[in-house]
């Protein structure tokens, strides 16, 4: 079973490993909004979706991390199929994949 992904962990794992001020700029949200999230406040759903879209993620993943959907909800949406069965590495461009590999290598240090 996958670990529950909370909102701060979701932010920490965004493609490109952006700083909080970069998240604010990319989403056109106030830096104080990001600070409130870091202090434990949940994002509102539209902000969660904005973050996902700004960093090439799927909005459903952000809504799960934000606490608005559960993995059971996703199972119902995808008729029990894992997202991995619905997407392929070919669905992502090379720049996105390279940035993700770099992020994971940096995180492993």
PDB file of N, CA and C in Angstrom:
ATOM      1  N   UNK A   1       0.842  -1.171   0.000  1.00  0.00           N
ATOM      2  CA  UNK A   1       0.000   0.000   0.000  1.00  0.00           C
ATOM      3  C   UNK A   1       0.894   1.242   0.000  1.00  0.00           C
ATOM      4  N   UNK A   2       0.534   2.215  -0.816  1.00  0.00           N
ATOM      5  CA  UNK A   2       1.314   3.438  -0.917  1.00  0.00           C
ATOM      6  C   UNK A   2       1.131   4.294   0.331  1.00  0.00           C
ATOM      7  N   UNK A   3       2.189   5.026   0.664  1.00  0.00           N
ATOM      8  CA  UNK A   3       2.095   5.944   1.796  1.00  0.00           C
ATOM      9  C   UNK A   3       1.125   7.070   1.449  1.00  0.00           C
ATOM     10  N   UNK A   4       0.442   7.555   2.475  1.00  0.00           N
ATOM     11  CA  UNK A   4      -0.435   8.706   2.267  1.00  0.00           C
ATOM     12  C   UNK A   4       0.449   9.906   1.947  1.00  0.00           C
ATOM     13  N   UNK A   5       0.079  10.615   0.921  1.00  0.00           N
ATOM     14  CA  UNK A   5       0.830  11.784   0.514  1.00  0.00           C
ATOM     15  C   UNK A   5       0.152  13.014   1.073  1.00  0.00           C
ATOM     16  N   UNK A   6       0.812  13.695   2.006  1.00  0.00           N
ATOM     17  CA  UNK A   6       0.206  14.909   2.546  1.00  0.00           C
ATOM     18  C   UNK A   6       0.620  16.104   1.681  1.00  0.00           C
ATOM     19  N   UNK A   7      -0.011  17.232   1.929  1.00  0.00           N
ATOM     20  CA  UNK A   7       0.172  18.393   1.063  1.00  0.00           C
ATOM     21  C   UNK A   7       1.610  18.899   1.073  1.00  0.00           C
ATOM     22  N   UNK A   8       2.244  18.982   2.232  1.00  0.00           N
ATOM     23  CA  UNK A   8       3.629  19.458   2.265  1.00  0.00           C
ATOM     24  C   UNK A   8       4.561  18.508   1.525  1.00  0.00           C
ATOM     25  N   UNK A   9       4.343  17.238   1.669  1.00  0.00           N
ATOM     26  CA  UNK A   9       5.176  16.274   0.941  1.00  0.00           C
ATOM     27  C   UNK A   9       4.929  16.407  -0.562  1.00  0.00           C
ATOM     28  N   UNK A  10       3.688  16.628  -0.936  1.00  0.00           N
ATOM     29  CA  UNK A  10       3.367  16.846  -2.342  1.00  0.00           C
ATOM     30  C   UNK A  10       4.159  18.041  -2.875  1.00  0.00           C
ATOM     31  N   UNK A  11       4.151  19.149  -2.124  1.00  0.00           N
ATOM     32  CA  UNK A  11       4.895  20.336  -2.549  1.00  0.00           C
ATOM     33  C   UNK A  11       6.389  20.046  -2.657  1.00  0.00           C
ATOM     34  N   UNK A  12       6.911  19.274  -1.717  1.00  0.00           N
ATOM     35  CA  UNK A  12       8.337  18.942  -1.717  1.00  0.00           C
ATOM     36  C   UNK A  12       8.733  18.066  -2.897  1.00  0.00           C
ATOM     37  N   UNK A  13       7.766  17.395  -3.507  1.00  0.00           N
ATOM     38  CA  UNK A  13       8.059  16.469  -4.594  1.00  0.00           C
ATOM     39  C   UNK A  13       7.638  16.986  -5.968  1.00  0.00           C
ATOM     40  N   UNK A  14       7.345  18.278  -6.074  1.00  0.00           N
ATOM     41  CA  UNK A  14       6.982  18.842  -7.373  1.00  0.00           C
ATOM     42  C   UNK A  14       8.157  18.757  -8.339  1.00  0.00           C
ATOM     43  N   UNK A  15       7.853  18.620  -9.611  1.00  0.00           N
ATOM     44  CA  UNK A  15       8.891  18.559 -10.639  1.00  0.00           C
ATOM     45  C   UNK A  15       9.749  19.815 -10.586  1.00  0.00           C
ATOM     46  N   UNK A  16      11.046  19.637 -10.624  1.00  0.00           N
ATOM     47  CA  UNK A  16      11.967  20.760 -10.571  1.00  0.00           C
ATOM     48  C   UNK A  16      12.326  21.192  -9.166  1.00  0.00           C
ATOM     49  N   UNK A  17      11.693  20.589  -8.170  1.00  0.00           N
ATOM     50  CA  UNK A  17      11.973  20.885  -6.767  1.00  0.00           C
ATOM     51  C   UNK A  17      11.958  22.388  -6.483  1.00  0.00           C
ATOM     52  N   UNK A  18      10.858  23.079  -6.808  1.00  0.00           N
ATOM     53  CA  UNK A  18      10.819  24.532  -6.645  1.00  0.00           C
ATOM     54  C   UNK A  18      10.795  24.972  -5.186  1.00  0.00           C
ATOM     55  N   UNK A  19      11.321  26.154  -4.949  1.00  0.00           N
ATOM     56  CA  UNK A  19      11.232  26.789  -3.630  1.00  0.00           C
ATOM     57  C   UNK A  19       9.826  27.354  -3.473  1.00  0.00           C
ATOM     58  N   UNK A  20       9.464  27.667  -2.245  1.00  0.00           N
ATOM     59  CA  UNK A  20       8.114  28.170  -1.989  1.00  0.00           C
ATOM     60  C   UNK A  20       7.791  29.431  -2.785  1.00  0.00           C
ATOM     61  N   UNK A  21       8.759  30.335  -2.920  1.00  0.00           N
ATOM     62  CA  UNK A  21       8.488  31.555  -3.680  1.00  0.00           C
ATOM     63  C   UNK A  21       8.268  31.257  -5.165  1.00  0.00           C
ATOM     64  N   UNK A  22       8.891  30.197  -5.674  1.00  0.00           N
ATOM     65  CA  UNK A  22       8.679  29.792  -7.059  1.00  0.00           C
ATOM     66  C   UNK A  22       7.292  29.166  -7.241  1.00  0.00           C
ATOM     67  N   UNK A  23       6.837  28.438  -6.224  1.00  0.00           N
ATOM     68  CA  UNK A  23       5.482  27.882  -6.269  1.00  0.00           C
ATOM     69  C   UNK A  23       4.472  29.023  -6.302  1.00  0.00           C
ATOM     70  N   UNK A  24       4.688  30.015  -5.452  1.00  0.00           N
ATOM     71  CA  UNK A  24       3.785  31.170  -5.410  1.00  0.00           C
ATOM     72  C   UNK A  24       3.753  31.877  -6.760  1.00  0.00           C
ATOM     73  N   UNK A  25       4.922  32.112  -7.336  1.00  0.00           N
ATOM     74  CA  UNK A  25       4.986  32.819  -8.616  1.00  0.00           C
ATOM     75  C   UNK A  25       4.329  32.015  -9.738  1.00  0.00           C
ATOM     76  N   UNK A  26       4.599  30.713  -9.784  1.00  0.00           N
ATOM     77  CA  UNK A  26       4.057  29.871 -10.854  1.00  0.00           C
ATOM     78  C   UNK A  26       2.542  29.744 -10.792  1.00  0.00           C
ATOM     79  N   UNK A  27       1.996  29.843  -9.602  1.00  0.00           N
ATOM     80  CA  UNK A  27       0.551  29.681  -9.428  1.00  0.00           C
ATOM     81  C   UNK A  27      -0.175  31.020  -9.272  1.00  0.00           C
ATOM     82  N   UNK A  28       0.606  32.114  -9.236  1.00  0.00           N
ATOM     83  CA  UNK A  28       0.052  33.458  -9.035  1.00  0.00           C
ATOM     84  C   UNK A  28      -0.703  33.570  -7.708  1.00  0.00           C
ATOM     85  N   UNK A  29      -0.174  32.860  -6.704  1.00  0.00           N
ATOM     86  CA  UNK A  29      -0.724  32.931  -5.348  1.00  0.00           C
ATOM     87  C   UNK A  29       0.223  33.747  -4.475  1.00  0.00           C
ATOM     88  N   UNK A  30      -0.309  34.299  -3.422  1.00  0.00           N
ATOM     89  CA  UNK A  30       0.514  35.070  -2.491  1.00  0.00           C
ATOM     90  C   UNK A  30       1.487  34.139  -1.762  1.00  0.00           C
ATOM     91  N   UNK A  31       2.713  34.581  -1.543  1.00  0.00           N
ATOM     92  CA  UNK A  31       3.656  33.772  -0.767  1.00  0.00           C
ATOM     93  C   UNK A  31       3.101  33.397   0.612  1.00  0.00           C
ATOM     94  N   UNK A  32       2.271  34.262   1.189  1.00  0.00           N
ATOM     95  CA  UNK A  32       1.689  33.949   2.493  1.00  0.00           C
ATOM     96  C   UNK A  32       0.772  32.725   2.428  1.00  0.00           C
ATOM     97  N   UNK A  33       0.179  32.490   1.259  1.00  0.00           N
ATOM     98  CA  UNK A  33      -0.661  31.289   1.083  1.00  0.00           C
ATOM     99  C   UNK A  33       0.204  30.038   1.204  1.00  0.00           C
ATOM    100  N   UNK A  34       1.354  30.054   0.557  1.00  0.00           N
ATOM    101  CA  UNK A  34       2.266  28.904   0.619  1.00  0.00           C
ATOM    102  C   UNK A  34       2.746  28.722   2.062  1.00  0.00           C
ATOM    103  N   UNK A  35       3.037  29.816   2.748  1.00  0.00           N
ATOM    104  CA  UNK A  35       3.477  29.755   4.153  1.00  0.00           C
ATOM    105  C   UNK A  35       2.404  29.119   5.032  1.00  0.00           C
ATOM    106  N   UNK A  36       1.151  29.465   4.795  1.00  0.00           N
ATOM    107  CA  UNK A  36       0.058  28.861   5.577  1.00  0.00           C
ATOM    108  C   UNK A  36      -0.026  27.360   5.309  1.00  0.00           C
ATOM    109  N   UNK A  37       0.198  26.963   4.062  1.00  0.00           N
ATOM    110  CA  UNK A  37       0.204  25.521   3.763  1.00  0.00           C
ATOM    111  C   UNK A  37       1.329  24.838   4.535  1.00  0.00           C
ATOM    112  N   UNK A  38       2.496  25.456   4.538  1.00  0.00           N
ATOM    113  CA  UNK A  38       3.649  24.868   5.235  1.00  0.00           C
ATOM    114  C   UNK A  38       3.389  24.761   6.734  1.00  0.00           C
ATOM    115  N   UNK A  39       2.543  25.645   7.250  1.00  0.00           N
ATOM    116  CA  UNK A  39       2.192  25.614   8.680  1.00  0.00           C
ATOM    117  C   UNK A  39       1.080  24.609   8.978  1.00  0.00           C
ATOM    118  N   UNK A  40       0.553  23.961   7.941  1.00  0.00           N
ATOM    119  CA  UNK A  40      -0.433  22.916   8.163  1.00  0.00           C
ATOM    120  C   UNK A  40      -1.818  23.169   7.618  1.00  0.00           C
ATOM    121  N   UNK A  41      -2.072  24.353   7.084  1.00  0.00           N
ATOM    122  CA  UNK A  41      -3.389  24.624   6.510  1.00  0.00           C
ATOM    123  C   UNK A  41      -3.517  23.902   5.166  1.00  0.00           C
ATOM    124  N   UNK A  42      -4.648  23.275   4.940  1.00  0.00           N
ATOM    125  CA  UNK A  42      -4.890  22.596   3.664  1.00  0.00           C
ATOM    126  C   UNK A  42      -5.159  23.632   2.575  1.00  0.00           C
ATOM    127  N   UNK A  43      -4.759  23.327   1.353  1.00  0.00           N
ATOM    128  CA  UNK A  43      -5.072  24.244   0.256  1.00  0.00           C
ATOM    129  C   UNK A  43      -6.552  24.134  -0.093  1.00  0.00           C
ATOM    130  N   UNK A  44      -7.111  25.178  -0.686  1.00  0.00           N
ATOM    131  CA  UNK A  44      -8.458  24.982  -1.189  1.00  0.00           C
ATOM    132  C   UNK A  44      -8.328  24.197  -2.501  1.00  0.00           C
ATOM    133  N   UNK A  45      -9.378  23.530  -2.932  1.00  0.00           N
ATOM    134  CA  UNK A  45      -9.268  22.666  -4.115  1.00  0.00           C
ATOM    135  C   UNK A  45      -8.755  23.378  -5.367  1.00  0.00           C
ATOM    136  N   UNK A  46      -9.195  24.598  -5.606  1.00  0.00           N
ATOM    137  CA  UNK A  46      -8.743  25.287  -6.825  1.00  0.00           C
ATOM    138  C   UNK A  46      -7.249  25.601  -6.766  1.00  0.00           C
ATOM    139  N   UNK A  47      -6.721  25.880  -5.576  1.00  0.00           N
ATOM    140  CA  UNK A  47      -5.287  26.119  -5.438  1.00  0.00           C
ATOM    141  C   UNK A  47      -4.503  24.821  -5.633  1.00  0.00           C
ATOM    142  N   UNK A  48      -5.027  23.722  -5.113  1.00  0.00           N
ATOM    143  CA  UNK A  48      -4.357  22.425  -5.301  1.00  0.00           C
ATOM    144  C   UNK A  48      -4.256  22.098  -6.788  1.00  0.00           C
ATOM    145  N   UNK A  49      -5.330  22.316  -7.516  1.00  0.00           N
ATOM    146  CA  UNK A  49      -5.338  22.056  -8.957  1.00  0.00           C
ATOM    147  C   UNK A  49      -4.367  22.998  -9.668  1.00  0.00           C
ATOM    148  N   UNK A  50      -4.323  24.264  -9.252  1.00  0.00           N
ATOM    149  CA  UNK A  50      -3.404  25.231  -9.866  1.00  0.00           C
ATOM    150  C   UNK A  50      -1.953  24.801  -9.693  1.00  0.00           C
ATOM    151  N   UNK A  51      -1.615  24.301  -8.513  1.00  0.00           N
ATOM    152  CA  UNK A  51      -0.248  23.829  -8.270  1.00  0.00           C
ATOM    153  C   UNK A  51       0.067  22.649  -9.185  1.00  0.00           C
ATOM    154  N   UNK A  52      -0.836  21.690  -9.253  1.00  0.00           N
ATOM    155  CA  UNK A  52      -0.597  20.522 -10.108  1.00  0.00           C
ATOM    156  C   UNK A  52      -0.366  20.954 -11.555  1.00  0.00           C
ATOM    157  N   UNK A  53      -1.220  21.796 -12.051  1.00  0.00           N
ATOM    158  CA  UNK A  53      -1.106  22.217 -13.454  1.00  0.00           C
ATOM    159  C   UNK A  53       0.154  23.029 -13.706  1.00  0.00           C
ATOM    160  N   UNK A  54       0.541  23.874 -12.762  1.00  0.00           N
ATOM    161  CA  UNK A  54       1.733  24.705 -12.934  1.00  0.00           C
ATOM    162  C   UNK A  54       3.009  23.870 -13.014  1.00  0.00           C
ATOM    163  N   UNK A  55       2.988  22.679 -12.401  1.00  0.00           N
ATOM    164  CA  UNK A  55       4.204  21.865 -12.360  1.00  0.00           C
ATOM    165  C   UNK A  55       4.053  20.537 -13.101  1.00  0.00           C
ATOM    166  N   UNK A  56       3.083  20.470 -13.997  1.00  0.00           N
ATOM    167  CA  UNK A  56       2.955  19.308 -14.868  1.00  0.00           C
ATOM    168  C   UNK A  56       2.370  18.081 -14.209  1.00  0.00           C
ATOM    169  N   UNK A  57       1.730  18.252 -13.067  1.00  0.00           N
ATOM    170  CA  UNK A  57       1.113  17.110 -12.394  1.00  0.00           C
ATOM    171  C   UNK A  57      -0.350  16.983 -12.760  1.00  0.00           C
ATOM    172  N   UNK A  58      -0.936  15.887 -12.362  1.00  0.00           N
ATOM    173  CA  UNK A  58      -2.357  15.680 -12.608  1.00  0.00           C
ATOM    174  C   UNK A  58      -3.144  16.251 -11.435  1.00  0.00           C
ATOM    175  N   UNK A  59      -4.205  16.989 -11.713  1.00  0.00           N
ATOM    176  CA  UNK A  59      -4.997  17.579 -10.633  1.00  0.00           C
ATOM    177  C   UNK A  59      -5.525  16.558  -9.618  1.00  0.00           C
ATOM    178  N   UNK A  60      -5.811  15.352 -10.044  1.00  0.00           N
ATOM    179  CA  UNK A  60      -6.327  14.359  -9.095  1.00  0.00           C
ATOM    180  C   UNK A  60      -5.308  14.045  -8.012  1.00  0.00           C
ATOM    181  N   UNK A  61      -4.037  13.965  -8.381  1.00  0.00           N
ATOM    182  CA  UNK A  61      -2.998  13.716  -7.377  1.00  0.00           C
ATOM    183  C   UNK A  61      -2.935  14.827  -6.348  1.00  0.00           C
ATOM    184  N   UNK A  62      -3.087  16.060  -6.808  1.00  0.00           N
ATOM    185  CA  UNK A  62      -3.078  17.204  -5.889  1.00  0.00           C
ATOM    186  C   UNK A  62      -4.295  17.172  -4.970  1.00  0.00           C
ATOM    187  N   UNK A  63      -5.434  16.764  -5.501  1.00  0.00           N
ATOM    188  CA  UNK A  63      -6.644  16.701  -4.678  1.00  0.00           C
ATOM    189  C   UNK A  63      -6.555  15.586  -3.636  1.00  0.00           C
ATOM    190  N   UNK A  64      -5.854  14.514  -3.954  1.00  0.00           N
ATOM    191  CA  UNK A  64      -5.616  13.466  -2.954  1.00  0.00           C
ATOM    192  C   UNK A  64      -4.680  14.003  -1.881  1.00  0.00           C
ATOM    193  N   UNK A  65      -3.576  14.636  -2.295  1.00  0.00           N
ATOM    194  CA  UNK A  65      -2.611  15.173  -1.330  1.00  0.00           C
ATOM    195  C   UNK A  65      -3.242  16.244  -0.449  1.00  0.00           C
ATOM    196  N   UNK A  66      -4.154  17.018  -1.017  1.00  0.00           N
ATOM    197  CA  UNK A  66      -4.828  18.067  -0.259  1.00  0.00           C
ATOM    198  C   UNK A  66      -5.925  17.550   0.647  1.00  0.00           C
ATOM    199  N   UNK A  67      -6.237  16.264   0.550  1.00  0.00           N
ATOM    200  CA  UNK A  67      -7.237  15.658   1.420  1.00  0.00           C
ATOM    201  C   UNK A  67      -8.658  15.715   0.899  1.00  0.00           C
ATOM    202  N   UNK A  68      -8.836  16.077  -0.363  1.00  0.00           N
ATOM    203  CA  UNK A  68     -10.181  16.194  -0.922  1.00  0.00           C
ATOM    204  C   UNK A  68     -10.681  14.914  -1.578  1.00  0.00           C
ATOM    205  N   UNK A  69      -9.775  14.065  -1.999  1.00  0.00           N
ATOM    206  CA  UNK A  69     -10.119  12.765  -2.571  1.00  0.00           C
ATOM    207  C   UNK A  69      -9.290  11.697  -1.871  1.00  0.00           C
ATOM    208  N   UNK A  70      -9.762  10.468  -1.931  1.00  0.00           N
ATOM    209  CA  UNK A  70      -9.006   9.336  -1.378  1.00  0.00           C
ATOM    210  C   UNK A  70      -8.582   8.421  -2.520  1.00  0.00           C
ATOM    211  N   UNK A  71      -7.710   7.497  -2.202  1.00  0.00           N
ATOM    212  CA  UNK A  71      -7.331   6.509  -3.207  1.00  0.00           C
ATOM    213  C   UNK A  71      -8.537   5.679  -3.633  1.00  0.00           C
ATOM    214  N   UNK A  72      -9.481   5.452  -2.714  1.00  0.00           N
ATOM    215  CA  UNK A  72     -10.708   4.739  -3.072  1.00  0.00           C
ATOM    216  C   UNK A  72     -11.522   5.535  -4.095  1.00  0.00           C
ATOM    217  N   UNK A  73     -11.533   6.856  -3.941  1.00  0.00           N
ATOM    218  CA  UNK A  73     -12.210   7.697  -4.927  1.00  0.00           C
ATOM    219  C   UNK A  73     -11.581   7.509  -6.303  1.00  0.00           C
ATOM    220  N   UNK A  74     -10.256   7.484  -6.338  1.00  0.00           N
ATOM    221  CA  UNK A  74      -9.568   7.298  -7.617  1.00  0.00           C
ATOM    222  C   UNK A  74      -9.864   5.934  -8.211  1.00  0.00           C
ATOM    223  N   UNK A  75      -9.909   4.916  -7.355  1.00  0.00           N
ATOM    224  CA  UNK A  75     -10.255   3.583  -7.849  1.00  0.00           C
ATOM    225  C   UNK A  75     -11.626   3.589  -8.518  1.00  0.00           C
ATOM    226  N   UNK A  76     -12.569   4.292  -7.921  1.00  0.00           N
ATOM    227  CA  UNK A  76     -13.909   4.371  -8.504  1.00  0.00           C
ATOM    228  C   UNK A  76     -13.878   5.118  -9.833  1.00  0.00           C
ATOM    229  N   UNK A  77     -13.094   6.187  -9.886  1.00  0.00           N
ATOM    230  CA  UNK A  77     -12.995   6.974 -11.117  1.00  0.00           C
ATOM    231  C   UNK A  77     -12.380   6.148 -12.239  1.00  0.00           C
ATOM    232  N   UNK A  78     -11.338   5.404 -11.903  1.00  0.00           N
ATOM    233  CA  UNK A  78     -10.605   4.655 -12.915  1.00  0.00           C
ATOM    234  C   UNK A  78     -11.024   3.193 -12.995  1.00  0.00           C
ATOM    235  N   UNK A  79     -12.185   2.889 -12.432  1.00  0.00           N
ATOM    236  CA  UNK A  79     -12.747   1.543 -12.514  1.00  0.00           C
ATOM    237  C   UNK A  79     -11.777   0.484 -11.982  1.00  0.00           C
ATOM    238  N   UNK A  80     -11.070   0.840 -10.891  1.00  0.00           N
ATOM    239  CA  UNK A  80     -10.168  -0.107 -10.249  1.00  0.00           C
ATOM    240  C   UNK A  80      -8.807  -0.239 -10.906  1.00  0.00           C
ATOM    241  N   UNK A  81      -8.579   0.442 -12.030  1.00  0.00           N
ATOM    242  CA  UNK A  81      -7.285   0.359 -12.699  1.00  0.00           C
ATOM    243  C   UNK A  81      -6.334   1.369 -12.067  1.00  0.00           C
ATOM    244  N   UNK A  82      -5.103   0.945 -11.884  1.00  0.00           N
ATOM    245  CA  UNK A  82      -4.093   1.861 -11.350  1.00  0.00           C
ATOM    246  C   UNK A  82      -3.789   2.923 -12.400  1.00  0.00           C
ATOM    247  N   UNK A  83      -3.428   4.111 -11.937  1.00  0.00           N
ATOM    248  CA  UNK A  83      -3.086   5.173 -12.879  1.00  0.00           C
ATOM    249  C   UNK A  83      -1.956   4.710 -13.793  1.00  0.00           C
ATOM    250  N   UNK A  84      -1.045   3.899 -13.255  1.00  0.00           N
ATOM    251  CA  UNK A  84       0.063   3.391 -14.070  1.00  0.00           C
ATOM    252  C   UNK A  84      -0.447   2.589 -15.264  1.00  0.00           C
ATOM    253  N   UNK A  85      -1.619   1.999 -15.143  1.00  0.00           N
ATOM    254  CA  UNK A  85      -2.194   1.258 -16.259  1.00  0.00           C
ATOM    255  C   UNK A  85      -2.814   2.199 -17.298  1.00  0.00           C
ATOM    256  N   UNK A  86      -3.075   3.420 -16.899  1.00  0.00           N
ATOM    257  CA  UNK A  86      -3.728   4.373 -17.790  1.00  0.00           C
ATOM    258  C   UNK A  86      -2.755   5.340 -18.445  1.00  0.00           C
ATOM    259  N   UNK A  87      -1.539   5.414 -17.895  1.00  0.00           N
ATOM    260  CA  UNK A  87      -0.536   6.335 -18.424  1.00  0.00           C
ATOM    261  C   UNK A  87       0.743   5.573 -18.716  1.00  0.00           C
ATOM    262  N   UNK A  88       1.513   6.116 -19.613  1.00  0.00           N
ATOM    263  CA  UNK A  88       2.778   5.521 -19.995  1.00  0.00           C
ATOM    264  C   UNK A  88       3.864   6.583 -19.885  1.00  0.00           C
ATOM    265  N   UNK A  89       5.086   6.151 -19.785  1.00  0.00           N
ATOM    266  CA  UNK A  89       6.216   7.075 -19.793  1.00  0.00           C
ATOM    267  C   UNK A  89       6.178   7.914 -21.072  1.00  0.00           C
ATOM    268  N   UNK A  90       5.642   7.353 -22.141  1.00  0.00           N
ATOM    269  CA  UNK A  90       5.544   8.078 -23.405  1.00  0.00           C
ATOM    270  C   UNK A  90       4.590   9.272 -23.330  1.00  0.00           C
ATOM    271  N   UNK A  91       3.773   9.333 -22.282  1.00  0.00           N
ATOM    272  CA  UNK A  91       2.849  10.456 -22.116  1.00  0.00           C
ATOM    273  C   UNK A  91       3.550  11.717 -21.607  1.00  0.00           C
ATOM    274  N   UNK A  92       4.824  11.607 -21.208  1.00  0.00           N
ATOM    275  CA  UNK A  92       5.575  12.731 -20.657  1.00  0.00           C
ATOM    276  C   UNK A  92       6.681  13.135 -21.614  1.00  0.00           C
ATOM    277  N   UNK A  93       6.931  14.443 -21.710  1.00  0.00           N
ATOM    278  CA  UNK A  93       7.999  14.875 -22.606  1.00  0.00           C
ATOM    279  C   UNK A  93       9.362  14.653 -21.951  1.00  0.00           C
ATOM    280  N   UNK A  94      10.395  14.679 -22.779  1.00  0.00           N
ATOM    281  CA  UNK A  94      11.750  14.383 -22.328  1.00  0.00           C
ATOM    282  C   UNK A  94      12.223  15.350 -21.247  1.00  0.00           C
ATOM    283  N   UNK A  95      11.895  16.622 -21.387  1.00  0.00           N
ATOM    284  CA  UNK A  95      12.324  17.613 -20.392  1.00  0.00           C
ATOM    285  C   UNK A  95      11.721  17.308 -19.032  1.00  0.00           C
ATOM    286  N   UNK A  96      10.452  16.927 -19.003  1.00  0.00           N
ATOM    287  CA  UNK A  96       9.810  16.587 -17.737  1.00  0.00           C
ATOM    288  C   UNK A  96      10.485  15.372 -17.106  1.00  0.00           C
ATOM    289  N   UNK A  97      10.731  14.339 -17.909  1.00  0.00           N
ATOM    290  CA  UNK A  97      11.367  13.124 -17.384  1.00  0.00           C
ATOM    291  C   UNK A  97      12.780  13.411 -16.881  1.00  0.00           C
ATOM    292  N   UNK A  98      13.538  14.216 -17.626  1.00  0.00           N
ATOM    293  CA  UNK A  98      14.899  14.554 -17.198  1.00  0.00           C
ATOM    294  C   UNK A  98      14.876  15.328 -15.881  1.00  0.00           C
ATOM    295  N   UNK A  99      13.947  16.265 -15.747  1.00  0.00           N
ATOM    296  CA  UNK A  99      13.838  17.031 -14.508  1.00  0.00           C
ATOM    297  C   UNK A  99      13.465  16.120 -13.343  1.00  0.00           C
ATOM    298  N   UNK A 100      12.609  15.156 -13.588  1.00  0.00           N
ATOM    299  CA  UNK A 100      12.210  14.225 -12.530  1.00  0.00           C
ATOM    300  C   UNK A 100      13.371  13.327 -12.111  1.00  0.00           C
ATOM    301  N   UNK A 101      14.148  12.850 -13.068  1.00  0.00           N
ATOM    302  CA  UNK A 101      15.325  12.033 -12.736  1.00  0.00           C
ATOM    303  C   UNK A 101      16.315  12.865 -11.919  1.00  0.00           C
ATOM    304  N   UNK A 102      16.560  14.097 -12.332  1.00  0.00           N
ATOM    305  CA  UNK A 102      17.481  14.970 -11.592  1.00  0.00           C
ATOM    306  C   UNK A 102      16.978  15.222 -10.179  1.00  0.00           C
ATOM    307  N   UNK A 103      15.686  15.463 -10.046  1.00  0.00           N
ATOM    308  CA  UNK A 103      15.110  15.711  -8.715  1.00  0.00           C
ATOM    309  C   UNK A 103      15.306  14.500  -7.819  1.00  0.00           C
ATOM    310  N   UNK A 104      15.062  13.315  -8.367  1.00  0.00           N
ATOM    311  CA  UNK A 104      15.206  12.105  -7.552  1.00  0.00           C
ATOM    312  C   UNK A 104      16.664  11.846  -7.183  1.00  0.00           C
ATOM    313  N   UNK A 105      17.573  12.115  -8.103  1.00  0.00           N
ATOM    314  CA  UNK A 105      18.993  11.947  -7.776  1.00  0.00           C
ATOM    315  C   UNK A 105      19.431  12.913  -6.691  1.00  0.00           C
ATOM    316  N   UNK A 106      18.982  14.156  -6.774  1.00  0.00           N
ATOM    317  CA  UNK A 106      19.310  15.146  -5.746  1.00  0.00           C
ATOM    318  C   UNK A 106      18.701  14.770  -4.408  1.00  0.00           C
ATOM    319  N   UNK A 107      17.519  14.218  -4.431  1.00  0.00           N
ATOM    320  CA  UNK A 107      16.820  13.832  -3.200  1.00  0.00           C
ATOM    321  C   UNK A 107      17.525  12.636  -2.532  1.00  0.00           C
ATOM    322  N   UNK A 108      18.150  11.794  -3.317  1.00  0.00           N
ATOM    323  CA  UNK A 108      18.806  10.593  -2.794  1.00  0.00           C
ATOM    324  C   UNK A 108      20.123  10.922  -2.090  1.00  0.00           C
ATOM    325  N   UNK A 109      20.647  12.110  -2.325  1.00  0.00           N
ATOM    326  CA  UNK A 109      21.949  12.491  -1.722  1.00  0.00           C
ATOM    327  C   UNK A 109      21.822  12.699  -0.253  1.00  0.00           C
TER     328      UNK A 109
END
